[in-house]
Amino acid sequence: MYLATLQYGQKTVYEVRQSCPVDKYNTYKYKTVFNLGENPGDYMEEFDSHIVLFHSDLLAAVSSHTGEDEDDLLEQLLFRFLPHEVQSKIALYHRPDTAKRTPLTSHEKDAIRDQVHIFDRKRLYYLRYGAIDQSRLSNLHEKCCKVLLYQSRDEREYYFREEEKVLNPGEYLQYIYAIFNLQIHFSHSFAPFFPEALAVEEVADHFISEICRLNSDKQFWRGDRSGEYLHSHLQRYLIMFFDFSSTPKSFLHDSARQFRDNHRSFRSPEIRSTIKPERASEIFETPYNELKSMSPEQLNRLYRKKAMQLHPDKGGDHHHFVELTEVYNDLLR
């Protein structure tokens, strides 16, 4: 079971929901177990400053849908609505799960391959490793996907809502860029890891195309949606991108701006030697084609030999020495 948060304008409503299989093809849909209304606190009562008693109707509804201890389950689902004193007591006596972690069974591996969408994998990969470049997505261990098994799309999205709370708004652009794999639309060498340096308008256009594609992906929703509008579960990504992409000025922000400006600024053309190949051959006393085919080490040895002859300090001609150095640098380029 899980807690769903529904927004109706300024009103927020909470529901206890459960994912249920609807066919033999691992398709899951959710059903509402209990509607908590706008204030889940109405269905609980503090007793003796460290215990909460849940309303009998809520207990009966949850009990009829699960074999777990309904009080413990509700404490987990509604933890943030519990009185502060009760939260402190639960946190004090709570112990992390220390059960031995067993390897995935072949059935679980098959279920992961069948049920966990590539978009889910991308989100798990970023949330676990913080990797913008997802070229190594295949390295994501299958155990990371186990938390998504046997769930409706609705339950998975509420899971990701909670996980995404660890992100700070300054990361939203990178997160969106990574999970929608927007780097494939750019050929820049820095595209896999530096989205801030890309043109915002271009990134936005590709993001809109990708989110619309996901919105119509039947494999992603597996029957757990209706309507042609952008699903509410995807609308939060629009908010992340468009409401938080302009972050306060920071070192990263200034670096990105400077990087863009440097690439947009005018650069004078590269200086090329004005000395003709014939004159270069004459100066080095070597055919020009042979000069061009030399390795840097060979060219360097030849240059040193000729520089010892032409250097003014050795009795050579200053103008000829300048010509020699100019041709040498041109050949190195």
Protein backbone atom coordinates (compact mmCIF):
# COMPACT_ATOMS: atom_id res chain seq x y z
CA MET A 1 0.00 0.00 0.00
CA TYR A 2 1.03 3.59 -0.48
CA LEU A 3 -0.19 7.13 0.17
CA ALA A 4 -1.38 9.16 -2.82
CA THR A 5 -1.46 12.96 -2.76
CA LEU A 6 -4.01 14.56 -5.08
CA GLN A 7 -4.04 18.25 -5.90
CA TYR A 8 -7.32 19.96 -6.84
CA GLY A 9 -6.49 23.62 -7.25
CA GLN A 10 -5.61 24.87 -3.76
CA LYS A 11 -7.02 21.74 -2.13
CA THR A 12 -4.90 18.65 -1.34
CA VAL A 13 -6.59 15.30 -0.76
CA TYR A 14 -4.94 12.10 0.50
CA GLU A 15 -5.82 8.51 -0.31
CA VAL A 16 -4.52 5.13 0.81
CA ARG A 17 -4.10 3.09 -2.37
CA GLN A 18 -3.03 -0.40 -3.34
CA SER A 19 -1.64 -1.87 -6.57
CA CYS A 20 -3.51 -4.92 -7.89
CA PRO A 21 -2.80 -7.23 -10.85
CA VAL A 22 -5.44 -7.11 -13.56
CA ASP A 23 -4.18 -9.79 -15.98
CA LYS A 24 -1.56 -12.49 -16.45
CA TYR A 25 0.78 -10.09 -18.27
CA ASN A 26 2.02 -8.34 -15.12
CA THR A 27 -0.26 -5.36 -15.64
CA TYR A 28 -1.10 -3.58 -12.40
CA LYS A 29 -3.64 -0.90 -11.64
CA TYR A 30 -4.35 0.87 -8.38
CA LYS A 31 -7.51 0.91 -6.31
CA THR A 32 -8.44 3.29 -3.53
CA VAL A 33 -8.52 1.61 -0.13
CA PHE A 34 -9.53 4.65 1.92
CA ASN A 35 -10.07 8.35 1.23
CA LEU A 36 -8.46 10.38 4.03
CA GLY A 37 -9.76 13.73 2.78
CA GLU A 38 -7.76 16.90 3.31
CA ASN A 39 -6.57 16.09 6.83
CA PRO A 40 -5.39 12.54 7.60
CA GLY A 41 -5.02 13.67 11.22
CA ASP A 42 -8.81 13.44 11.53
CA TYR A 43 -8.44 9.64 11.47
CA MET A 44 -5.98 9.35 14.32
CA GLU A 45 -6.00 10.20 18.02
CA GLU A 46 -2.99 10.61 20.28
CA PHE A 47 -3.05 8.46 23.37
CA ASP A 48 -0.70 8.81 26.35
CA SER A 49 1.63 11.21 24.44
CA HIS A 50 3.46 8.47 22.49
CA ILE A 51 0.79 6.25 20.98
CA VAL A 52 -1.67 6.93 18.16
CA LEU A 53 -4.98 5.17 17.78
CA PHE A 54 -6.35 5.04 14.24
CA HIS A 55 -10.04 5.36 13.41
CA SER A 56 -11.83 2.01 13.32
CA ASP A 57 -13.15 2.61 9.77
CA LEU A 58 -9.62 3.23 8.51
CA LEU A 59 -8.30 0.13 10.28
CA ALA A 60 -11.11 -2.02 8.90
CA ALA A 61 -10.52 -0.82 5.33
CA VAL A 62 -6.77 -1.45 5.49
CA SER A 63 -7.22 -4.80 7.26
CA SER A 64 -9.51 -6.08 4.50
CA HIS A 65 -6.81 -5.45 1.86
CA THR A 66 -3.64 -6.68 3.53
CA GLY A 67 -2.30 -9.44 5.74
CA GLU A 68 0.14 -7.08 7.47
CA ASP A 69 -0.32 -5.43 10.86
CA GLU A 70 -2.55 -2.49 9.94
CA ASP A 71 -1.32 -0.26 12.79
CA ASP A 72 2.34 -0.62 11.78
CA LEU A 73 1.48 -0.13 8.11
CA LEU A 74 -0.48 3.06 8.82
CA GLU A 75 2.31 4.40 11.03
CA GLN A 76 4.64 4.07 8.03
CA LEU A 77 2.22 5.53 5.48
CA LEU A 78 1.08 8.45 7.65
CA PHE A 79 4.33 9.10 9.53
CA ARG A 80 4.55 12.79 8.55
CA PHE A 81 1.02 13.42 9.90
CA LEU A 82 1.70 11.88 13.30
CA PRO A 83 2.18 14.20 16.31
CA HIS A 84 5.81 15.20 16.77
CA GLU A 85 6.14 13.31 20.06
CA VAL A 86 4.93 10.10 18.44
CA GLN A 87 7.32 10.55 15.51
CA SER A 88 10.21 10.90 17.97
CA LYS A 89 9.23 7.70 19.79
CA ILE A 90 8.87 5.70 16.57
CA ALA A 91 12.21 6.99 15.26
CA LEU A 92 13.87 6.10 18.56
CA TYR A 93 12.76 2.48 18.51
CA HIS A 94 12.85 1.97 14.76
CA ARG A 95 15.63 -0.29 13.52
CA PRO A 96 16.68 -0.54 9.89
CA ASP A 97 15.98 -3.77 8.09
CA THR A 98 18.90 -6.08 8.85
CA ALA A 99 17.48 -9.13 7.13
CA LYS A 100 19.96 -10.98 4.96
CA ARG A 101 19.82 -9.70 1.40
CA THR A 102 19.46 -12.72 -0.84
CA PRO A 103 20.36 -12.80 -4.55
CA LEU A 104 17.59 -12.15 -7.04
CA THR A 105 15.70 -15.24 -8.12
CA SER A 106 15.34 -16.03 -11.81
CA HIS A 107 11.65 -15.13 -11.49
CA GLU A 108 12.51 -11.71 -10.07
CA LYS A 109 15.06 -11.09 -12.83
CA ASP A 110 12.46 -11.92 -15.48
CA ALA A 111 9.92 -9.67 -13.72
CA ILE A 112 12.40 -6.78 -13.63
CA ARG A 113 13.11 -7.09 -17.36
CA ASP A 114 9.39 -7.21 -18.09
CA GLN A 115 8.05 -4.61 -15.67
CA VAL A 116 10.72 -1.93 -15.18
CA HIS A 117 10.65 0.64 -17.97
CA ILE A 118 13.85 2.24 -19.30
CA PHE A 119 12.67 5.63 -17.99
CA ASP A 120 12.46 4.15 -14.49
CA ARG A 121 15.98 2.80 -14.84
CA LYS A 122 17.29 6.22 -15.87
CA ARG A 123 15.73 7.83 -12.82
CA LEU A 124 17.09 5.17 -10.49
CA TYR A 125 20.54 5.54 -12.05
CA TYR A 126 20.66 9.31 -11.52
CA LEU A 127 19.18 9.18 -8.01
CA ARG A 128 21.69 6.51 -7.01
CA TYR A 129 24.84 7.80 -8.73
CA GLY A 130 24.08 11.42 -9.69
CA ALA A 131 25.27 10.65 -13.23
CA ILE A 132 24.24 13.08 -15.97
CA ASP A 133 25.94 10.96 -18.62
CA GLN A 134 23.96 7.73 -18.67
CA SER A 135 26.03 5.91 -21.27
CA ARG A 136 26.78 3.32 -18.55
CA LEU A 137 23.15 2.77 -17.64
CA SER A 138 23.59 -0.95 -18.32
CA ASN A 139 25.81 -1.08 -15.22
CA LEU A 140 22.81 -0.35 -12.96
CA HIS A 141 22.46 -3.42 -10.77
CA GLU A 142 19.13 -5.21 -11.13
CA LYS A 143 18.69 -5.20 -7.35
CA CYS A 144 18.12 -1.44 -7.55
CA CYS A 145 15.00 -2.15 -9.61
CA LYS A 146 13.51 -4.61 -7.14
CA VAL A 147 11.66 -1.84 -5.26
CA LEU A 148 9.49 -1.28 -8.36
CA LEU A 149 8.26 -4.83 -8.83
CA TYR A 150 4.57 -5.69 -8.85
CA GLN A 151 3.40 -2.09 -8.72
CA SER A 152 1.02 0.02 -10.72
CA ARG A 153 2.44 2.99 -12.62
CA ASP A 154 0.68 5.21 -10.07
CA GLU A 155 2.52 3.61 -7.13
CA ARG A 156 5.86 3.85 -8.91
CA GLU A 157 5.38 7.52 -9.60
CA TYR A 158 4.63 8.23 -5.95
CA TYR A 159 7.78 6.29 -5.07
CA PHE A 160 9.82 8.53 -7.37
CA ARG A 161 8.15 11.66 -6.00
CA GLU A 162 9.52 10.77 -2.59
CA GLU A 163 12.96 9.85 -3.91
CA GLU A 164 13.23 13.09 -5.87
CA LYS A 165 12.85 15.11 -2.69
CA VAL A 166 16.58 14.59 -2.07
CA LEU A 167 17.33 16.71 -5.15
CA ASN A 168 17.92 20.36 -4.65
CA PRO A 169 16.36 22.78 -7.18
CA GLY A 170 19.79 23.54 -8.60
CA GLU A 171 19.97 19.92 -9.81
CA TYR A 172 16.62 19.86 -11.60
CA LEU A 173 18.02 20.84 -15.01
CA GLN A 174 20.68 18.12 -14.84
CA TYR A 175 18.12 15.56 -13.63
CA ILE A 176 15.65 16.30 -16.44
CA TYR A 177 18.46 16.36 -18.99
CA ALA A 178 19.70 12.95 -17.82
CA ILE A 179 16.45 11.02 -17.41
CA PHE A 180 15.01 12.17 -20.75
CA ASN A 181 18.37 11.42 -22.40
CA LEU A 182 18.49 14.84 -24.05
CA GLN A 183 22.21 14.54 -24.77
CA ILE A 184 21.45 12.42 -27.86
CA HIS A 185 20.20 15.58 -29.58
CA PHE A 186 23.54 17.40 -29.24
CA SER A 187 26.92 16.69 -30.82
CA HIS A 188 29.01 19.00 -28.63
CA SER A 189 31.87 17.29 -26.83
CA PHE A 190 30.57 18.59 -23.49
CA ALA A 191 26.94 17.58 -24.11
CA PRO A 192 27.05 14.35 -22.03
CA PHE A 193 27.96 16.13 -18.80
CA PHE A 194 27.44 19.90 -19.07
CA PRO A 195 23.84 20.77 -20.06
CA GLU A 196 24.15 24.26 -18.56
CA ALA A 197 26.46 25.20 -21.44
CA LEU A 198 23.86 24.35 -24.10
CA ALA A 199 21.33 26.76 -25.58
CA VAL A 200 18.35 26.67 -23.19
CA GLU A 201 15.81 27.08 -26.01
CA GLU A 202 17.13 24.02 -27.85
CA VAL A 203 17.18 21.91 -24.69
CA ALA A 204 13.59 22.99 -23.94
CA ASP A 205 12.37 22.04 -27.42
CA HIS A 206 13.86 18.56 -27.19
CA PHE A 207 12.55 18.12 -23.65
CA ILE A 208 8.98 18.91 -24.75
CA SER A 209 9.27 16.38 -27.59
CA GLU A 210 10.57 13.66 -25.26
CA ILE A 211 7.99 14.21 -22.52
CA CYS A 212 5.18 14.07 -25.10
CA ARG A 213 6.62 10.83 -26.46
CA LEU A 214 6.69 9.36 -22.96
CA ASN A 215 3.15 10.55 -22.32
CA SER A 216 1.92 8.43 -25.24
CA ASP A 217 4.12 5.40 -24.48
CA LYS A 218 1.69 2.53 -23.82
CA GLN A 219 4.46 0.32 -22.49
CA PHE A 220 5.27 2.90 -19.84
CA TRP A 221 1.67 3.32 -18.63
CA ARG A 222 0.49 -0.27 -19.28
CA GLY A 223 -3.17 0.71 -19.15
CA ASP A 224 -2.82 2.75 -15.95
CA ARG A 225 -4.00 6.03 -17.44
CA SER A 226 -6.69 7.65 -19.58
CA GLY A 227 -7.08 10.90 -21.52
CA GLU A 228 -4.94 12.68 -24.08
CA TYR A 229 -3.56 15.47 -21.89
CA LEU A 230 -0.19 15.38 -20.18
CA HIS A 231 -0.54 13.10 -17.19
CA SER A 232 -0.32 14.73 -13.77
CA HIS A 233 2.60 12.48 -12.87
CA LEU A 234 4.63 14.03 -15.70
CA GLN A 235 3.56 17.61 -15.06
CA ARG A 236 6.01 17.87 -12.17
CA TYR A 237 8.87 17.57 -14.66
CA LEU A 238 7.59 20.59 -16.56
CA ILE A 239 7.61 22.51 -13.28
CA MET A 240 11.14 21.30 -12.47
CA PHE A 241 12.44 22.40 -15.86
CA PHE A 242 10.67 25.69 -16.47
CA ASP A 243 10.30 27.00 -12.91
CA PHE A 244 13.76 26.10 -11.66
CA SER A 245 16.05 26.10 -14.70
CA SER A 246 17.09 29.71 -13.99
CA THR A 247 19.04 29.17 -10.78
CA PRO A 248 20.59 31.96 -8.70
CA LYS A 249 24.02 33.05 -9.85
CA SER A 250 26.75 30.72 -8.71
CA PHE A 251 30.20 29.63 -9.75
CA LEU A 252 28.66 26.95 -12.00
CA HIS A 253 26.23 29.45 -13.50
CA ASP A 254 29.00 31.97 -14.24
CA SER A 255 31.24 29.26 -15.68
CA ALA A 256 28.46 28.08 -17.99
CA ARG A 257 27.76 31.61 -19.16
CA GLN A 258 31.45 32.30 -19.77
CA PHE A 259 31.78 29.00 -21.63
CA ARG A 260 28.86 29.92 -23.93
CA ASP A 261 30.11 33.46 -24.48
CA ASN A 262 33.60 32.28 -25.38
CA HIS A 263 32.19 29.96 -28.02
CA ARG A 264 30.00 32.71 -29.45
CA SER A 265 32.72 35.39 -29.57
CA PHE A 266 34.72 36.27 -32.67
CA ARG A 267 38.05 34.56 -33.12
CA SER A 268 40.66 35.79 -35.54
CA PRO A 269 41.71 33.23 -38.13
CA GLU A 270 44.68 31.02 -37.36
CA ILE A 271 47.99 32.53 -38.42
CA ARG A 272 49.53 30.70 -41.31
CA SER A 273 53.07 31.01 -42.61
CA THR A 274 53.55 33.33 -45.58
CA ILE A 275 56.71 31.45 -46.60
CA LYS A 276 56.23 29.34 -49.71
CA PRO A 277 57.06 25.62 -49.71
CA GLU A 278 60.01 26.20 -52.05
CA ARG A 279 61.57 28.64 -49.60
CA ALA A 280 60.89 26.23 -46.68
CA SER A 281 62.77 23.48 -48.55
CA GLU A 282 65.61 25.88 -49.21
CA ILE A 283 65.86 26.96 -45.55
CA PHE A 284 65.83 23.40 -44.18
CA GLU A 285 67.76 22.03 -47.16
CA THR A 286 65.16 19.25 -47.29
CA PRO A 287 62.29 18.56 -49.78
CA TYR A 288 59.00 20.05 -48.52
CA ASN A 289 57.04 16.77 -48.77
CA GLU A 290 59.69 15.12 -46.63
CA LEU A 291 59.40 17.93 -44.08
CA LYS A 292 55.64 17.45 -43.86
CA SER A 293 55.95 13.71 -43.35
CA MET A 294 58.41 14.04 -40.45
CA SER A 295 57.40 13.22 -36.90
CA PRO A 296 57.59 16.05 -34.33
CA GLU A 297 60.75 14.47 -32.89
CA GLN A 298 62.47 14.31 -36.32
CA LEU A 299 61.44 17.85 -37.17
CA ASN A 300 62.64 19.07 -33.81
CA ARG A 301 66.10 17.52 -34.31
CA LEU A 302 66.40 19.08 -37.77
CA TYR A 303 65.28 22.47 -36.44
CA ARG A 304 67.91 22.42 -33.68
CA LYS A 305 70.63 21.59 -36.17
CA LYS A 306 69.64 24.45 -38.50
CA ALA A 307 69.06 26.87 -35.60
CA MET A 308 72.66 26.35 -34.45
CA GLN A 309 73.76 27.46 -37.91
CA LEU A 310 71.40 30.44 -38.38
CA HIS A 311 71.15 31.86 -34.87
CA PRO A 312 72.55 35.42 -34.76
CA ASP A 313 74.62 34.57 -31.70
CA LYS A 314 76.37 31.91 -33.77
CA GLY A 315 77.09 34.31 -36.60
CA GLY A 316 73.91 33.53 -38.55
CA ASP A 317 71.45 35.90 -40.23
CA HIS A 318 68.61 37.20 -38.07
CA HIS A 319 66.08 37.28 -40.92
CA HIS A 320 66.86 33.71 -41.96
CA PHE A 321 66.55 32.52 -38.35
CA VAL A 322 63.07 34.13 -38.08
CA GLU A 323 62.05 32.41 -41.33
CA LEU A 324 63.32 29.07 -40.00
CA THR A 325 61.31 29.37 -36.77
CA GLU A 326 58.16 30.44 -38.64
CA VAL A 327 58.32 27.43 -40.98
CA TYR A 328 59.06 25.10 -38.05
CA ASN A 329 55.98 26.29 -36.11
CA ASP A 330 53.83 26.05 -39.24
CA LEU A 331 54.93 22.45 -39.85
CA LEU A 332 54.21 21.56 -36.23
CA ARG A 333 50.65 22.89 -36.59
